[in-house]
N, C-alpha and C. Protein backbone atom coordinates (compact mmCIF):
# COMPACT_ATOMS: atom_id res chain seq x y z
N UNK A 1 6.04 -10.94 15.25
CA UNK A 1 5.40 -10.69 13.97
C UNK A 1 5.62 -9.24 13.51
N UNK A 2 5.58 -8.29 14.44
CA UNK A 2 5.77 -6.87 14.09
C UNK A 2 7.17 -6.66 13.52
N UNK A 3 8.17 -7.25 14.13
CA UNK A 3 9.54 -7.11 13.64
C UNK A 3 9.66 -7.67 12.22
N UNK A 4 9.09 -8.84 12.00
CA UNK A 4 9.11 -9.43 10.66
C UNK A 4 8.44 -8.50 9.66
N UNK A 5 7.28 -7.96 10.01
CA UNK A 5 6.55 -7.07 9.10
C UNK A 5 7.35 -5.81 8.80
N UNK A 6 8.06 -5.27 9.80
CA UNK A 6 8.90 -4.08 9.57
C UNK A 6 9.99 -4.40 8.54
N UNK A 7 10.69 -5.50 8.74
CA UNK A 7 11.74 -5.90 7.80
C UNK A 7 11.15 -6.18 6.42
N UNK A 8 10.00 -6.80 6.39
CA UNK A 8 9.33 -7.12 5.13
C UNK A 8 8.98 -5.85 4.37
N UNK A 9 8.39 -4.87 5.06
CA UNK A 9 8.03 -3.60 4.42
C UNK A 9 9.29 -2.86 3.96
N UNK A 10 10.32 -2.84 4.79
CA UNK A 10 11.58 -2.18 4.41
C UNK A 10 12.17 -2.86 3.18
N UNK A 11 12.15 -4.18 3.17
CA UNK A 11 12.69 -4.93 2.04
C UNK A 11 11.92 -4.66 0.75
N UNK A 12 10.60 -4.66 0.84
CA UNK A 12 9.79 -4.38 -0.35
C UNK A 12 10.04 -2.97 -0.87
N UNK A 13 10.10 -2.01 0.04
CA UNK A 13 10.35 -0.63 -0.37
C UNK A 13 11.71 -0.46 -1.01
N UNK A 14 12.73 -1.07 -0.42
CA UNK A 14 14.08 -0.98 -0.98
C UNK A 14 14.17 -1.70 -2.33
N UNK A 15 13.48 -2.82 -2.45
CA UNK A 15 13.48 -3.54 -3.73
C UNK A 15 12.82 -2.69 -4.82
N UNK A 16 11.75 -2.00 -4.47
CA UNK A 16 11.09 -1.14 -5.46
C UNK A 16 11.97 0.05 -5.81
N UNK A 17 12.67 0.60 -4.82
CA UNK A 17 13.61 1.70 -5.07
C UNK A 17 14.72 1.23 -6.03
N UNK A 18 15.28 0.07 -5.75
CA UNK A 18 16.32 -0.51 -6.62
C UNK A 18 15.77 -0.71 -8.04
N UNK A 19 14.59 -1.29 -8.14
CA UNK A 19 13.98 -1.56 -9.45
C UNK A 19 13.77 -0.26 -10.22
N UNK A 20 13.30 0.77 -9.53
CA UNK A 20 13.05 2.05 -10.17
C UNK A 20 14.35 2.69 -10.66
N UNK A 21 15.38 2.67 -9.82
CA UNK A 21 16.66 3.24 -10.22
C UNK A 21 17.26 2.46 -11.38
N UNK A 22 17.28 1.14 -11.27
CA UNK A 22 17.84 0.28 -12.32
C UNK A 22 17.11 0.51 -13.64
N UNK A 23 15.80 0.58 -13.61
CA UNK A 23 15.02 0.79 -14.83
C UNK A 23 15.26 2.18 -15.40
N UNK A 24 15.34 3.17 -14.52
CA UNK A 24 15.58 4.55 -14.98
C UNK A 24 16.94 4.70 -15.65
N UNK A 25 17.93 3.96 -15.18
CA UNK A 25 19.25 4.02 -15.80
C UNK A 25 19.27 3.35 -17.18
N UNK A 26 18.35 2.42 -17.36
CA UNK A 26 18.29 1.66 -18.59
C UNK A 26 17.37 2.29 -19.64
N UNK A 27 16.33 2.96 -19.18
CA UNK A 27 15.30 3.44 -20.09
C UNK A 27 14.64 4.70 -19.53
N UNK A 28 14.36 5.66 -20.40
CA UNK A 28 13.71 6.91 -19.98
C UNK A 28 12.19 6.78 -20.12
N UNK A 29 11.49 6.96 -19.02
CA UNK A 29 10.03 6.90 -19.06
C UNK A 29 9.48 8.01 -19.95
N UNK A 30 10.09 9.19 -19.90
CA UNK A 30 9.62 10.32 -20.72
C UNK A 30 9.75 9.97 -22.21
N UNK A 31 10.87 9.39 -22.59
CA UNK A 31 11.08 9.03 -24.00
C UNK A 31 10.16 7.88 -24.44
N UNK A 32 9.90 6.96 -23.53
CA UNK A 32 9.10 5.77 -23.86
C UNK A 32 7.59 6.02 -23.77
N UNK A 33 7.20 7.11 -23.10
CA UNK A 33 5.79 7.33 -22.77
C UNK A 33 4.85 7.24 -23.97
N UNK A 34 5.12 7.91 -25.10
CA UNK A 34 4.16 7.84 -26.21
C UNK A 34 3.83 6.41 -26.66
N UNK A 35 4.83 5.56 -26.71
CA UNK A 35 4.55 4.19 -27.13
C UNK A 35 3.91 3.37 -26.01
N UNK A 36 4.29 3.66 -24.76
CA UNK A 36 3.72 2.91 -23.64
C UNK A 36 2.24 3.18 -23.46
N UNK A 37 1.84 4.45 -23.50
CA UNK A 37 0.45 4.80 -23.21
C UNK A 37 -0.50 4.27 -24.28
N UNK A 38 0.01 3.93 -25.45
CA UNK A 38 -0.85 3.39 -26.50
C UNK A 38 -1.17 1.91 -26.28
N UNK A 39 -0.48 1.26 -25.33
CA UNK A 39 -0.70 -0.17 -25.06
C UNK A 39 -1.87 -0.31 -24.09
N UNK A 40 -2.92 -1.04 -24.46
CA UNK A 40 -4.08 -1.19 -23.57
C UNK A 40 -3.72 -1.70 -22.17
N UNK A 41 -2.75 -2.62 -22.07
CA UNK A 41 -2.37 -3.13 -20.75
C UNK A 41 -1.70 -2.05 -19.90
N UNK A 42 -1.00 -1.13 -20.52
CA UNK A 42 -0.41 -0.03 -19.78
C UNK A 42 -1.51 0.88 -19.23
N UNK A 43 -2.52 1.12 -20.05
CA UNK A 43 -3.66 1.93 -19.59
C UNK A 43 -4.36 1.25 -18.41
N UNK A 44 -4.56 -0.06 -18.52
CA UNK A 44 -5.20 -0.80 -17.42
C UNK A 44 -4.33 -0.78 -16.17
N UNK A 45 -3.02 -0.87 -16.35
CA UNK A 45 -2.09 -0.84 -15.22
C UNK A 45 -2.14 0.52 -14.51
N UNK A 46 -2.22 1.60 -15.27
CA UNK A 46 -2.33 2.93 -14.67
C UNK A 46 -3.63 3.10 -13.90
N UNK A 47 -4.72 2.61 -14.48
CA UNK A 47 -6.01 2.68 -13.78
C UNK A 47 -5.93 1.87 -12.48
N UNK A 48 -5.35 0.69 -12.56
CA UNK A 48 -5.17 -0.15 -11.37
C UNK A 48 -4.32 0.56 -10.32
N UNK A 49 -3.23 1.19 -10.75
CA UNK A 49 -2.34 1.92 -9.83
C UNK A 49 -3.11 3.00 -9.09
N UNK A 50 -3.86 3.82 -9.82
CA UNK A 50 -4.55 4.93 -9.17
C UNK A 50 -5.72 4.47 -8.30
N UNK A 51 -6.35 3.37 -8.64
CA UNK A 51 -7.37 2.81 -7.75
C UNK A 51 -6.71 2.32 -6.46
N UNK A 52 -5.56 1.66 -6.57
CA UNK A 52 -4.82 1.23 -5.37
C UNK A 52 -4.42 2.43 -4.53
N UNK A 53 -3.96 3.50 -5.16
CA UNK A 53 -3.59 4.72 -4.43
C UNK A 53 -4.80 5.26 -3.68
N UNK A 54 -5.97 5.27 -4.30
CA UNK A 54 -7.18 5.76 -3.64
C UNK A 54 -7.52 4.91 -2.41
N UNK A 55 -7.40 3.60 -2.54
CA UNK A 55 -7.70 2.70 -1.41
C UNK A 55 -6.70 2.92 -0.28
N UNK A 56 -5.43 2.96 -0.61
CA UNK A 56 -4.40 3.16 0.42
C UNK A 56 -4.56 4.54 1.05
N UNK A 57 -4.85 5.55 0.22
CA UNK A 57 -5.00 6.90 0.76
C UNK A 57 -6.21 7.00 1.68
N UNK A 58 -7.26 6.25 1.44
CA UNK A 58 -8.41 6.27 2.34
C UNK A 58 -7.97 5.87 3.75
N UNK A 59 -7.11 4.86 3.86
CA UNK A 59 -6.58 4.44 5.17
C UNK A 59 -5.67 5.52 5.74
N UNK A 60 -4.79 6.08 4.90
CA UNK A 60 -3.88 7.13 5.36
C UNK A 60 -4.68 8.33 5.85
N UNK A 61 -5.70 8.73 5.13
CA UNK A 61 -6.52 9.88 5.53
C UNK A 61 -7.22 9.61 6.86
N UNK A 62 -7.62 8.37 7.10
CA UNK A 62 -8.21 7.99 8.39
C UNK A 62 -7.17 8.09 9.50
N UNK A 63 -5.95 7.63 9.23
CA UNK A 63 -4.91 7.60 10.25
C UNK A 63 -4.34 8.98 10.57
N UNK A 64 -4.12 9.79 9.55
CA UNK A 64 -3.47 11.08 9.73
C UNK A 64 -4.49 12.12 10.20
N UNK A 65 -4.10 12.87 11.20
CA UNK A 65 -5.01 13.88 11.76
C UNK A 65 -4.89 15.23 11.06
N UNK A 66 -3.69 15.60 10.61
CA UNK A 66 -3.50 16.93 10.03
C UNK A 66 -3.71 16.91 8.51
N UNK A 67 -4.24 18.00 8.00
CA UNK A 67 -4.43 18.12 6.56
C UNK A 67 -3.08 18.09 5.85
N UNK A 68 -2.07 18.71 6.45
CA UNK A 68 -0.73 18.70 5.86
C UNK A 68 -0.18 17.30 5.71
N UNK A 69 -0.35 16.49 6.76
CA UNK A 69 0.11 15.10 6.70
C UNK A 69 -0.63 14.31 5.64
N UNK A 70 -1.93 14.53 5.55
CA UNK A 70 -2.72 13.83 4.53
C UNK A 70 -2.26 14.21 3.13
N UNK A 71 -2.06 15.52 2.90
CA UNK A 71 -1.64 15.97 1.58
C UNK A 71 -0.23 15.49 1.23
N UNK A 72 0.67 15.51 2.21
CA UNK A 72 2.03 15.02 1.98
C UNK A 72 2.02 13.57 1.55
N UNK A 73 1.28 12.73 2.28
CA UNK A 73 1.23 11.31 1.93
C UNK A 73 0.52 11.07 0.61
N UNK A 74 -0.47 11.89 0.28
CA UNK A 74 -1.14 11.75 -1.01
C UNK A 74 -0.14 12.01 -2.15
N UNK A 75 0.62 13.10 -2.02
CA UNK A 75 1.63 13.42 -3.04
C UNK A 75 2.67 12.31 -3.14
N UNK A 76 3.15 11.81 -1.99
CA UNK A 76 4.14 10.74 -2.00
C UNK A 76 3.58 9.45 -2.62
N UNK A 77 2.34 9.12 -2.30
CA UNK A 77 1.74 7.92 -2.88
C UNK A 77 1.59 8.04 -4.39
N UNK A 78 1.17 9.22 -4.85
CA UNK A 78 0.98 9.41 -6.30
C UNK A 78 2.32 9.39 -7.02
N UNK A 79 3.35 10.01 -6.43
CA UNK A 79 4.62 10.13 -7.13
C UNK A 79 5.54 8.93 -6.97
N UNK A 80 5.45 8.22 -5.85
CA UNK A 80 6.38 7.11 -5.64
C UNK A 80 5.70 5.77 -5.42
N UNK A 81 4.38 5.75 -5.40
CA UNK A 81 3.63 4.50 -5.34
C UNK A 81 3.96 3.60 -4.16
N UNK A 82 4.39 2.38 -4.48
CA UNK A 82 4.62 1.38 -3.44
C UNK A 82 5.78 1.73 -2.52
N UNK A 83 6.71 2.57 -2.97
CA UNK A 83 7.79 3.00 -2.07
C UNK A 83 7.20 3.80 -0.90
N UNK A 84 6.26 4.70 -1.21
CA UNK A 84 5.61 5.47 -0.15
C UNK A 84 4.69 4.58 0.69
N UNK A 85 3.98 3.68 0.05
CA UNK A 85 3.06 2.80 0.79
C UNK A 85 3.81 1.93 1.79
N UNK A 86 4.93 1.34 1.35
CA UNK A 86 5.69 0.50 2.28
C UNK A 86 6.33 1.34 3.38
N UNK A 87 6.75 2.56 3.05
CA UNK A 87 7.31 3.46 4.07
C UNK A 87 6.25 3.81 5.10
N UNK A 88 5.04 4.09 4.65
CA UNK A 88 3.96 4.45 5.57
C UNK A 88 3.65 3.29 6.52
N UNK A 89 3.55 2.10 5.98
CA UNK A 89 3.28 0.93 6.83
C UNK A 89 4.44 0.70 7.80
N UNK A 90 5.68 0.83 7.31
CA UNK A 90 6.84 0.68 8.18
C UNK A 90 6.78 1.67 9.35
N UNK A 91 6.48 2.93 9.05
CA UNK A 91 6.39 3.96 10.09
C UNK A 91 5.29 3.61 11.09
N UNK A 92 4.15 3.16 10.62
CA UNK A 92 3.05 2.81 11.52
C UNK A 92 3.44 1.63 12.42
N UNK A 93 4.15 0.67 11.88
CA UNK A 93 4.61 -0.47 12.69
C UNK A 93 5.68 -0.03 13.67
N UNK A 94 6.53 0.89 13.27
CA UNK A 94 7.61 1.38 14.14
C UNK A 94 7.05 2.17 15.33
N UNK A 95 5.91 2.79 15.15
CA UNK A 95 5.29 3.60 16.22
C UNK A 95 4.58 2.76 17.28
N UNK A 96 4.44 1.47 17.04
CA UNK A 96 3.75 0.61 18.02
C UNK A 96 4.54 0.57 19.33
N UNK A 97 3.80 0.54 20.41
CA UNK A 97 4.41 0.41 21.73
C UNK A 97 4.73 -1.07 21.97
N UNK A 98 5.71 -1.35 22.82
CA UNK A 98 6.02 -2.75 23.13
C UNK A 98 4.76 -3.50 23.59
N UNK A 99 4.58 -4.66 23.06
CA UNK A 99 3.43 -5.49 23.44
C UNK A 99 2.21 -5.29 22.56
N UNK A 100 2.18 -4.22 21.76
CA UNK A 100 1.04 -4.02 20.87
C UNK A 100 1.20 -4.90 19.64
N UNK A 101 0.09 -5.44 19.18
CA UNK A 101 0.10 -6.27 17.98
C UNK A 101 0.03 -5.41 16.73
N UNK A 102 0.33 -6.02 15.60
CA UNK A 102 0.32 -5.28 14.33
C UNK A 102 -1.05 -4.72 14.01
N UNK A 103 -2.09 -5.32 14.57
CA UNK A 103 -3.45 -4.84 14.32
C UNK A 103 -3.62 -3.40 14.78
N UNK A 104 -2.89 -3.03 15.84
CA UNK A 104 -2.97 -1.67 16.37
C UNK A 104 -2.45 -0.64 15.36
N UNK A 105 -1.58 -1.05 14.48
CA UNK A 105 -1.05 -0.13 13.47
C UNK A 105 -2.14 0.29 12.49
N UNK A 106 -3.18 -0.53 12.38
CA UNK A 106 -4.27 -0.20 11.45
C UNK A 106 -5.20 0.87 11.98
N UNK A 107 -5.22 1.04 13.29
CA UNK A 107 -6.18 1.94 13.92
C UNK A 107 -5.61 3.33 14.15
N UNK A 108 -6.49 4.30 14.24
CA UNK A 108 -6.10 5.68 14.56
C UNK A 108 -5.83 5.77 16.06
N UNK A 109 -4.74 6.42 16.40
CA UNK A 109 -4.38 6.64 17.81
C UNK A 109 -5.29 7.72 18.39
N UNK A 110 -5.64 7.59 19.66
CA UNK A 110 -6.44 8.65 20.29
C UNK A 110 -5.65 9.97 20.29
N UNK A 111 -6.39 11.07 20.21
CA UNK A 111 -5.74 12.40 20.20
C UNK A 111 -5.07 12.69 21.53
């Protein structure tokens, strides 16, 4: 199951990277921003995004021991969203010792 989850997280992250690059080549977010932000669904989507970032960051802050690590992941989550989230989960799964279940990735390691 851990191997499947690693590939799944890597695949989701790469798909989001591809989608972001493809969209950026087709359309400029900076140029489109004034019209986008006026759409109520875009406003709701941004609120949803930042609430998700807060929830994911709460877990990251629990897992990470150093302030630097916490701040780095916060910046990455805010700037790259699901690409950072899938990378973080992938890293946590990759750090598991042989025989540990994916549940162990959710917990903080002893100091």
